[in-house]
Structures are given as structure tokens and as C-alpha cells.
């Protein structure tokens, strides 16, 4: 039976970073992924992912995302793959919205370079976006987007270069702690590992007793026709627009695949779904929901839909991640529940996992990410 220092279950955004950082630290690493690497069945696909420095969710995340940027640049240098594109970001809402006020507070408290723009200035600089007259924006020039599939492949390749063993299309069946180590059984074999890390995204609530549910989400790409120049990365940053009438949406300049990309984040998530069941295919109602927002705020992109795909948000009750040891199971770790805002700092989470596995501590304050906040 092969023996490893650590097994990482799930080799998506978080798992690929963990495999790389652990292998780089000299650990004998086994990575197990039930699908291909990369794949489009979970939470780590879709061509582009937003990376904002001053996060409206909480200034507590800012050290993680700043370190993540350093690591994205480091991995880019090692692999010659451009992973992080600095195109700036806009958080657009009425001033009393948590999207605007939270972003501004994070920027101010953490010294993040930013500007506050009124509606007229937003449209003057970024003519693709037509905000409501009472909306304002926090513009962060150092923000941008990460390429998720490219990033996963880059980190897996680096992990392999450092001696990790990565298995795709292999599903964990069960695991147990026995005589101070873990025995893992998959649909292909059995393995031993000194520690085990679960980075299984939307599946983590099924695998472990943690309150994380999978939510189906839809991403759409709309044709910009002859208006491509105003949707280019040089003219349009990544953005969040929070509208009481039309919803909370986020999106990107045109990059990588044809069309203007956007998605919705619901203030109250949809009911959880079983990620193992066939996922509901995209439909006319999904397009209509995206289009009503596009027509209002990005009218030049209200052309034919080019593509729509589904993905999962892995929601915790408070939409903050769970990064913790599993109670009464020494050497077992849970890393999940990122609730749609995790990929931006997944490279830094890889370092967090490395430090937890090798030193049982992290340089980052993980207190508010403990699982015990749900089950004292």
C-alpha cells in the first residue's frame, strides 16, 4: 500500500494550490480528484475569476488576497503563464449598500489604493456601464482577474515537478484513522497517509459534517457586437453592481472566450442541491435573469447570448470559509465553504494548508474560520 505524508482530496482551486505548496515544502503528496484536472463540474472553472484587493466582505480577508497576488505572480514567473491580469475593479452601489461601504472601509483600513467615483464619472471612464444616478463606485486599480483553469494546471504541474502524485478520475470511497495514520479507499485502490486535507468544494458538506451546501449558479456571455472596444480590459475593469431592483451581479471585460461575462450572487442563496445529482441545464429563465440586468446596466451588450454554463457556489451559513481541523481526528483538515468568493485567494490558502499540515498553525488569523462557530 503506497504511503504518503499527506493526501489532498479534491484538486480544484484550493486543492491544486495545497498540493503545490505541500510538495514544494518536501511533503510526499497524494492528490485525488474525482473528475479531470481541470474540470467544469464544480466551482473552479469559467475562464476568469474576480480578484479584488479591498473586499467588501471584510477587511479580514485583505492579508490573504495580498499574499495571493504575490503567489499568482510567483507561479506566473515559474510557469510563464499570465495568471493575474491587473485591470482594476469597480464596486458599484448606492452609498449605504454594504458593497460600496464595505469595499471603501477595507481600502481605507488596509491602505489599498482606490478612488471614489460618482455615477457620471463611472460612465465617463467606462462607457459600457450605465449606473443609476444615485450609485457610486470604489475603483481599485490594483485589482483584476485570475484565470482559474490555467492557474489550476500551473499549480498541478509545479506540484508534479516537486514529486507530488496526482490522480484524476478517482473517487474517494471511505477513509479512517488507524494506528496514527489514515487509510483511504478509492474506486481504484487503497493508500496510507499521515494527514488528510479535504478541499472538495461543493461536495464537502456531503463528505464531512460541516454546514456547507451546493448552490447552482449560472454564468453567461453576451455578444457586444460592434461595441467591443468599450468592453476590452483596457476600458472595463472587473465589476460588482448591487441594484435593489435588478439584483447583485458581477462580471468581467471580454477576455479569453467571445462575449461579455456576468453572473449573479444572491443575497439569500437558492436551496441547496446534491452535487452528485444531474445538474439542471441552463434554460430560457436563466438567460432572462441575466438579460434583464444587462439591458439595464450594460445595454451595449444586450445582444445574442453566446454561451451559458453552470457552476456551484459552496455556501456556508455566514458565507465565510471553514478552515479547521476535524474535531477528534488528529491530522484531518477541512478547507471549504468559500461561498463564491474563494478562488481569488486560493493560492494563499495553499500556503495556509502547508503550514497547518507541517506546523499545525498559520501566519493568518483563522479564528473566524473555525467550524466551531456553527457547533460550539
Protein backbone atom coordinates (compact mmCIF):
# COMPACT_ATOMS: atom_id res chain seq x y z
CA UNK A 1 0.00 0.00 0.00
CA UNK A 2 1.61 3.32 -1.04
CA UNK A 3 2.43 5.67 1.84
CA UNK A 4 2.28 9.47 1.72
CA UNK A 5 2.79 12.27 4.21
CA UNK A 6 -0.48 13.94 3.22
CA UNK A 7 -3.43 13.23 0.97
CA UNK A 8 -5.35 16.14 -0.58
CA UNK A 9 -8.90 15.21 -1.57
CA UNK A 10 -10.12 17.48 -4.38
CA UNK A 11 -7.66 19.07 -6.82
CA UNK A 12 -9.51 22.19 -7.91
CA UNK A 13 -8.64 25.76 -6.95
CA UNK A 14 -7.79 25.10 -3.30
CA UNK A 15 -6.53 21.56 -3.75
CA UNK A 16 -4.12 22.37 -6.58
CA UNK A 17 -2.58 25.17 -4.50
CA UNK A 18 -2.33 22.89 -1.47
CA UNK A 19 -0.67 20.11 -3.49
CA UNK A 20 1.89 22.55 -4.88
CA UNK A 21 2.77 24.21 -1.58
CA UNK A 22 2.96 20.92 0.32
CA UNK A 23 5.13 19.26 -2.33
CA UNK A 24 7.35 22.33 -2.50
CA UNK A 25 7.80 22.03 1.27
CA UNK A 26 9.14 18.48 0.85
CA UNK A 27 5.98 16.56 1.75
CA UNK A 28 5.12 13.32 -0.01
CA UNK A 29 1.79 14.38 -1.51
CA UNK A 30 -1.09 12.39 -2.95
CA UNK A 31 -3.80 14.42 -4.71
CA UNK A 32 -7.07 12.71 -5.56
CA UNK A 33 -9.65 14.30 -7.88
CA UNK A 34 -12.91 12.58 -8.80
CA UNK A 35 -13.09 14.36 -12.19
CA UNK A 36 -10.46 15.54 -14.64
CA UNK A 37 -7.87 18.24 -13.96
CA UNK A 38 -9.18 20.82 -14.59
CA UNK A 39 -12.91 20.18 -14.97
CA UNK A 40 -16.20 22.05 -15.26
CA UNK A 41 -18.27 20.13 -12.70
CA UNK A 42 -17.52 22.19 -9.58
CA UNK A 43 -16.54 25.70 -8.53
CA UNK A 44 -13.21 26.35 -10.26
CA UNK A 45 -13.99 26.97 -13.93
CA UNK A 46 -15.39 29.69 -16.15
CA UNK A 47 -12.29 31.28 -17.78
CA UNK A 48 -11.99 34.30 -15.42
CA UNK A 49 -12.37 34.97 -11.69
CA UNK A 50 -12.53 38.34 -9.92
CA UNK A 51 -9.69 39.34 -7.62
CA UNK A 52 -10.39 42.48 -5.55
CA UNK A 53 -7.87 43.75 -3.03
CA UNK A 54 -10.20 45.70 -0.72
CA UNK A 55 -13.03 43.24 -0.19
CA UNK A 56 -16.49 44.34 0.85
CA UNK A 57 -16.97 41.03 2.69
CA UNK A 58 -14.43 42.05 5.36
CA UNK A 59 -11.03 43.66 5.72
CA UNK A 60 -10.07 40.41 7.47
CA UNK A 61 -9.55 38.84 4.03
CA UNK A 62 -7.21 41.54 2.73
CA UNK A 63 -3.94 39.97 4.01
CA UNK A 64 -4.92 36.71 2.31
CA UNK A 65 -5.65 38.33 -1.02
CA UNK A 66 -2.48 40.44 -0.92
CA UNK A 67 -0.44 37.30 -0.35
CA UNK A 68 -2.41 35.55 -3.08
CA UNK A 69 -1.41 38.22 -5.58
CA UNK A 70 2.26 37.69 -4.71
CA UNK A 71 1.86 33.96 -5.21
CA UNK A 72 -0.06 34.32 -8.51
CA UNK A 73 2.81 36.44 -9.79
CA UNK A 74 5.34 33.92 -8.47
CA UNK A 75 3.61 30.99 -10.18
CA UNK A 76 3.35 33.04 -13.38
CA UNK A 77 7.08 33.62 -13.29
CA UNK A 78 7.79 29.94 -12.79
CA UNK A 79 5.43 28.69 -15.48
CA UNK A 80 5.45 31.59 -17.95
CA UNK A 81 1.65 31.64 -17.74
CA UNK A 82 -0.03 35.00 -17.13
CA UNK A 83 -2.43 34.14 -14.30
CA UNK A 84 -3.40 37.50 -12.79
CA UNK A 85 -4.47 40.39 -15.02
CA UNK A 86 -4.49 43.81 -13.33
CA UNK A 87 -7.39 45.62 -14.97
CA UNK A 88 -8.83 47.30 -11.87
CA UNK A 89 -12.17 46.75 -10.15
CA UNK A 90 -15.39 48.67 -9.53
CA UNK A 91 -17.75 48.08 -6.59
CA UNK A 92 -20.89 49.93 -7.68
CA UNK A 93 -23.93 50.57 -5.48
CA UNK A 94 -25.78 53.27 -3.59
CA UNK A 95 -23.57 54.68 -0.80
CA UNK A 96 -25.42 52.89 2.00
CA UNK A 97 -25.02 49.47 0.38
CA UNK A 98 -22.57 47.08 2.09
CA UNK A 99 -20.99 46.56 -1.34
CA UNK A 100 -19.89 50.20 -1.52
CA UNK A 101 -19.36 50.92 2.17
CA UNK A 102 -17.63 47.61 2.89
CA UNK A 103 -15.24 47.95 -0.03
CA UNK A 104 -14.42 51.53 0.94
CA UNK A 105 -13.84 50.55 4.58
CA UNK A 106 -11.47 47.72 3.58
CA UNK A 107 -9.50 50.00 1.29
CA UNK A 108 -9.21 52.73 3.90
CA UNK A 109 -8.32 50.46 6.82
CA UNK A 110 -5.76 48.43 4.85
CA UNK A 111 -4.19 51.18 2.78
CA UNK A 112 -5.42 49.86 -0.58
CA UNK A 113 -5.06 52.32 -3.45
CA UNK A 114 -8.56 53.43 -4.50
CA UNK A 115 -10.78 56.20 -5.81
CA UNK A 116 -14.43 57.03 -5.14
CA UNK A 117 -16.41 57.80 -8.31
CA UNK A 118 -19.90 59.18 -8.81
CA UNK A 119 -22.24 57.85 -11.49
CA UNK A 120 -21.25 60.39 -14.12
CA UNK A 121 -17.55 59.70 -13.65
CA UNK A 122 -18.13 55.94 -13.80
CA UNK A 123 -19.75 56.27 -17.22
CA UNK A 124 -17.21 58.80 -18.47
CA UNK A 125 -14.33 56.42 -17.73
CA UNK A 126 -16.16 53.17 -18.50
CA UNK A 127 -18.85 53.91 -21.10
CA UNK A 128 -20.07 50.30 -21.22
CA UNK A 129 -21.51 50.69 -17.71
CA UNK A 130 -24.64 52.80 -17.12
CA UNK A 131 -25.16 53.03 -13.32
CA UNK A 132 -28.19 54.58 -11.64
CA UNK A 133 -27.78 58.28 -10.92
CA UNK A 134 -27.53 57.73 -7.15
CA UNK A 135 -24.90 54.98 -7.40
CA UNK A 136 -21.23 55.43 -6.56
CA UNK A 137 -18.20 53.20 -7.04
CA UNK A 138 -14.98 52.28 -5.32
CA UNK A 139 -12.36 51.86 -8.03
CA UNK A 140 -9.26 49.81 -7.14
CA UNK A 141 -6.55 49.95 -9.82
CA UNK A 142 -4.61 47.01 -8.35
CA UNK A 143 -7.45 44.52 -8.68
CA UNK A 144 -8.25 42.37 -11.69
CA UNK A 145 -8.98 38.78 -12.65
CA UNK A 146 -7.35 35.36 -12.37
CA UNK A 147 -7.59 32.58 -14.98
CA UNK A 148 -8.87 29.58 -12.96
CA UNK A 149 -8.26 26.68 -15.33
CA UNK A 150 -4.80 27.96 -16.27
CA UNK A 151 -3.96 28.52 -12.58
CA UNK A 152 -5.03 25.01 -11.59
CA UNK A 153 -2.95 23.45 -14.35
CA UNK A 154 0.07 25.60 -13.48
CA UNK A 155 -0.02 24.63 -9.80
CA UNK A 156 -0.60 20.94 -10.54
CA UNK A 157 2.34 20.95 -12.93
CA UNK A 158 4.52 22.57 -10.26
CA UNK A 159 3.32 20.02 -7.71
CA UNK A 160 4.27 17.21 -10.09
CA UNK A 161 7.67 18.84 -10.62
CA UNK A 162 8.20 18.67 -6.86
CA UNK A 163 7.32 14.98 -6.69
CA UNK A 164 3.60 15.00 -5.90
CA UNK A 165 1.45 12.14 -7.16
CA UNK A 166 -1.85 13.40 -8.59
CA UNK A 167 -4.70 11.10 -9.60
CA UNK A 168 -7.62 12.27 -11.76
CA UNK A 169 -10.88 10.41 -12.29
CA UNK A 170 -10.55 8.65 -8.95
CA UNK A 171 -13.25 8.90 -6.29
CA UNK A 172 -12.71 8.56 -2.54
CA UNK A 173 -14.99 5.83 -1.20
CA UNK A 174 -14.14 5.93 2.50
CA UNK A 175 -11.38 6.78 4.94
CA UNK A 176 -10.48 6.10 8.55
CA UNK A 177 -7.80 6.90 11.06
CA UNK A 178 -5.94 3.77 12.11
CA UNK A 179 -2.81 3.41 14.26
CA UNK A 180 -1.80 7.07 13.91
CA UNK A 181 -2.31 7.39 10.15
CA UNK A 182 -5.13 7.39 7.61
CA UNK A 183 -6.26 4.59 5.36
CA UNK A 184 -8.02 5.78 2.22
CA UNK A 185 -10.02 3.60 -0.14
CA UNK A 186 -10.97 4.82 -3.59
CA UNK A 187 -12.69 3.26 -6.57
CA UNK A 188 -9.19 2.46 -7.88
CA UNK A 189 -7.11 1.43 -4.89
CA UNK A 190 -6.07 1.97 -1.28
CA UNK A 191 -3.48 4.31 0.24
CA UNK A 192 -1.95 5.37 3.53
CA UNK A 193 -1.27 8.96 4.52
CA UNK A 194 -0.08 10.65 7.68
CA UNK A 195 -2.58 13.52 7.28
CA UNK A 196 -5.59 14.24 5.09
CA UNK A 197 -6.93 17.53 3.72
CA UNK A 198 -10.43 17.89 2.29
CA UNK A 199 -10.71 20.56 -0.43
CA UNK A 200 -13.73 19.09 -2.19
CA UNK A 201 -15.73 22.29 -2.74
CA UNK A 202 -19.43 21.66 -3.27
CA UNK A 203 -19.03 18.06 -2.04
CA UNK A 204 -17.52 18.93 1.32
CA UNK A 205 -20.87 19.09 3.11
CA UNK A 206 -21.68 15.57 1.96
CA UNK A 207 -18.29 14.16 2.89
CA UNK A 208 -17.92 15.78 6.30
CA UNK A 209 -20.31 17.02 8.95
CA UNK A 210 -19.94 20.69 8.11
CA UNK A 211 -22.81 23.04 7.16
CA UNK A 212 -21.91 23.69 3.52
CA UNK A 213 -24.49 23.43 0.72
CA UNK A 214 -24.04 23.48 -3.03
CA UNK A 215 -25.93 26.20 -4.90
CA UNK A 216 -26.42 26.08 -8.66
CA UNK A 217 -25.23 29.26 -10.33
CA UNK A 218 -25.31 30.34 -13.98
CA UNK A 219 -22.69 32.33 -15.90
CA UNK A 220 -23.50 33.95 -19.23
CA UNK A 221 -21.55 35.52 -22.10
CA UNK A 222 -23.38 38.08 -24.28
CA UNK A 223 -22.37 39.47 -27.66
CA UNK A 224 -21.13 43.05 -27.64
CA UNK A 225 -21.34 43.38 -31.43
CA UNK A 226 -19.57 46.50 -32.67
CA UNK A 227 -19.03 47.75 -29.10
CA UNK A 228 -16.03 45.54 -28.34
CA UNK A 229 -13.67 48.44 -27.63
CA UNK A 230 -15.66 49.59 -24.60
CA UNK A 231 -15.69 46.06 -23.17
CA UNK A 232 -11.95 45.46 -23.58
CA UNK A 233 -9.78 45.05 -20.44
CA UNK A 234 -8.23 48.45 -21.15
CA UNK A 235 -11.65 50.12 -20.85
CA UNK A 236 -13.70 47.96 -18.49
CA UNK A 237 -12.46 46.63 -15.12
CA UNK A 238 -13.94 43.68 -13.29
CA UNK A 239 -17.06 44.91 -11.54
CA UNK A 240 -19.80 44.29 -9.00
CA UNK A 241 -23.11 46.14 -9.31
CA UNK A 242 -25.60 45.86 -6.46
CA UNK A 243 -29.07 47.02 -7.52
CA UNK A 244 -32.11 46.76 -5.27
CA UNK A 245 -34.39 46.45 -8.30
CA UNK A 246 -32.29 44.22 -10.56
CA UNK A 247 -30.05 42.21 -8.22
CA UNK A 248 -26.41 41.77 -7.26
CA UNK A 249 -24.34 40.85 -10.31
CA UNK A 250 -20.63 40.65 -11.07
CA UNK A 251 -18.66 40.44 -14.27
CA UNK A 252 -15.62 40.98 -16.44
CA UNK A 253 -14.28 42.61 -19.56
CA UNK A 254 -14.20 40.46 -22.67
CA UNK A 255 -11.30 38.02 -22.31
CA UNK A 256 -10.43 34.53 -23.44
CA UNK A 257 -13.77 33.49 -24.94
CA UNK A 258 -16.24 35.52 -27.02
CA UNK A 259 -18.66 37.75 -25.18
CA UNK A 260 -19.22 39.83 -22.06
CA UNK A 261 -19.33 37.60 -18.97
CA UNK A 262 -21.51 38.07 -15.91
CA UNK A 263 -23.14 36.11 -13.11
CA UNK A 264 -25.47 36.66 -10.17
CA UNK A 265 -24.77 36.39 -6.44
CA UNK A 266 -27.99 36.13 -4.46
CA UNK A 267 -28.27 37.81 -1.07
CA UNK A 268 -30.25 34.74 0.01
CA UNK A 269 -28.88 31.61 -1.68
CA UNK A 270 -31.14 29.25 -3.57
CA UNK A 271 -31.99 25.97 -1.79
CA UNK A 272 -29.04 23.60 -1.68
CA UNK A 273 -28.71 20.83 -4.23
CA UNK A 274 -26.98 17.46 -4.23
CA UNK A 275 -23.83 17.94 -6.34
CA UNK A 276 -23.88 14.26 -7.31
CA UNK A 277 -27.28 14.50 -9.00
CA UNK A 278 -27.53 15.60 -12.64
CA UNK A 279 -27.32 19.38 -12.69
CA UNK A 280 -30.23 21.35 -14.10
CA UNK A 281 -29.23 22.54 -17.57
CA UNK A 282 -29.26 26.23 -18.45
CA UNK A 283 -32.61 27.43 -19.75
CA UNK A 284 -34.54 30.44 -21.04
CA UNK A 285 -35.30 31.60 -17.49
CA UNK A 286 -31.57 31.73 -16.73
CA UNK A 287 -30.95 33.85 -19.81
CA UNK A 288 -33.85 36.15 -18.94
CA UNK A 289 -32.48 36.75 -15.45
CA UNK A 290 -29.07 37.70 -16.80
CA UNK A 291 -30.52 39.74 -19.66
CA UNK A 292 -32.73 41.95 -17.51
CA UNK A 293 -29.60 43.12 -15.72
CA UNK A 294 -27.53 43.51 -18.90
CA UNK A 295 -30.26 45.55 -20.57
CA UNK A 296 -30.35 47.97 -17.65
CA UNK A 297 -26.67 48.45 -16.80
CA UNK A 298 -24.72 47.26 -19.88
CA UNK A 299 -27.14 47.96 -22.76
CA UNK A 300 -24.45 47.72 -25.45
CA UNK A 301 -24.03 44.03 -24.50
CA UNK A 302 -27.74 43.23 -24.79
CA UNK A 303 -27.10 41.19 -27.90
CA UNK A 304 -27.40 37.47 -28.60
CA UNK A 305 -26.33 35.15 -25.81
CA UNK A 306 -23.16 33.32 -26.85
CA UNK A 307 -22.73 30.86 -24.01
CA UNK A 308 -24.15 29.89 -20.64
CA UNK A 309 -22.72 27.42 -18.17
CA UNK A 310 -23.48 26.30 -14.63
CA UNK A 311 -21.17 26.12 -11.65
CA UNK A 312 -21.54 25.63 -7.90
CA UNK A 313 -21.23 28.02 -5.02
CA UNK A 314 -20.30 26.10 -1.86
CA UNK A 315 -22.18 28.17 0.72
CA UNK A 316 -21.62 28.19 4.45
CA UNK A 317 -24.37 29.75 6.61
CA UNK A 318 -22.42 33.00 7.05
CA UNK A 319 -20.68 32.81 3.66
CA UNK A 320 -17.26 32.69 5.29
CA UNK A 321 -14.99 29.67 4.75
CA UNK A 322 -14.30 26.83 7.13
CA UNK A 323 -10.57 26.23 7.60
CA UNK A 324 -10.06 23.99 10.60
CA UNK A 325 -9.03 20.64 11.96
CA UNK A 326 -11.70 17.98 12.16
CA UNK A 327 -12.61 17.54 15.86
CA UNK A 328 -11.26 14.39 17.49
CA UNK A 329 -9.47 13.34 14.27
CA UNK A 330 -5.85 14.49 14.60
CA UNK A 331 -4.27 15.23 11.22
CA UNK A 332 -7.54 15.70 9.33
CA UNK A 333 -8.36 19.16 7.94
CA UNK A 334 -11.39 20.76 6.31
CA UNK A 335 -10.97 23.64 3.84
CA UNK A 336 -14.24 24.67 2.25
CA UNK A 337 -17.37 26.80 2.29
CA UNK A 338 -15.87 29.70 0.33
CA UNK A 339 -19.34 30.72 -0.88
CA UNK A 340 -18.42 32.05 -4.30
CA UNK A 341 -15.57 34.33 -3.24
CA UNK A 342 -12.66 31.98 -2.69
CA UNK A 343 -10.70 31.48 -5.89
CA UNK A 344 -9.06 34.91 -5.71
CA UNK A 345 -7.02 33.89 -2.68
CA UNK A 346 -6.77 30.15 -3.30
CA UNK A 347 -3.03 30.42 -3.93
CA UNK A 348 -2.61 31.80 -0.40
CA UNK A 349 -4.89 29.08 1.01
CA UNK A 350 -2.35 26.60 -0.36
CA UNK A 351 0.25 28.14 1.95
CA UNK A 352 -2.21 28.09 4.85
CA UNK A 353 -2.75 24.37 4.29
CA UNK A 354 1.01 23.79 4.10
CA UNK A 355 1.52 25.50 7.44
CA UNK A 356 -1.36 23.68 9.14
CA UNK A 357 -0.07 20.31 7.95
CA UNK A 358 3.59 20.96 8.74
CA UNK A 359 3.31 23.20 11.83
CA UNK A 360 -0.33 23.00 12.97
CA UNK A 361 -0.54 26.79 12.79
CA UNK A 362 -0.83 29.61 10.26
CA UNK A 363 0.56 33.11 9.94
CA UNK A 364 -3.00 34.26 9.17
CA UNK A 365 -5.66 34.65 11.83
CA UNK A 366 -8.05 31.78 11.16
CA UNK A 367 -10.17 32.28 14.29
CA UNK A 368 -13.31 33.36 12.47
CA UNK A 369 -12.99 30.44 10.05
CA UNK A 370 -13.28 27.74 12.70
CA UNK A 371 -16.03 25.15 12.26
CA UNK A 372 -16.95 25.54 15.93
CA UNK A 373 -18.68 28.87 15.18
CA UNK A 374 -21.58 26.75 13.89
CA UNK A 375 -21.37 23.99 16.52
CA UNK A 376 -19.83 25.42 19.72
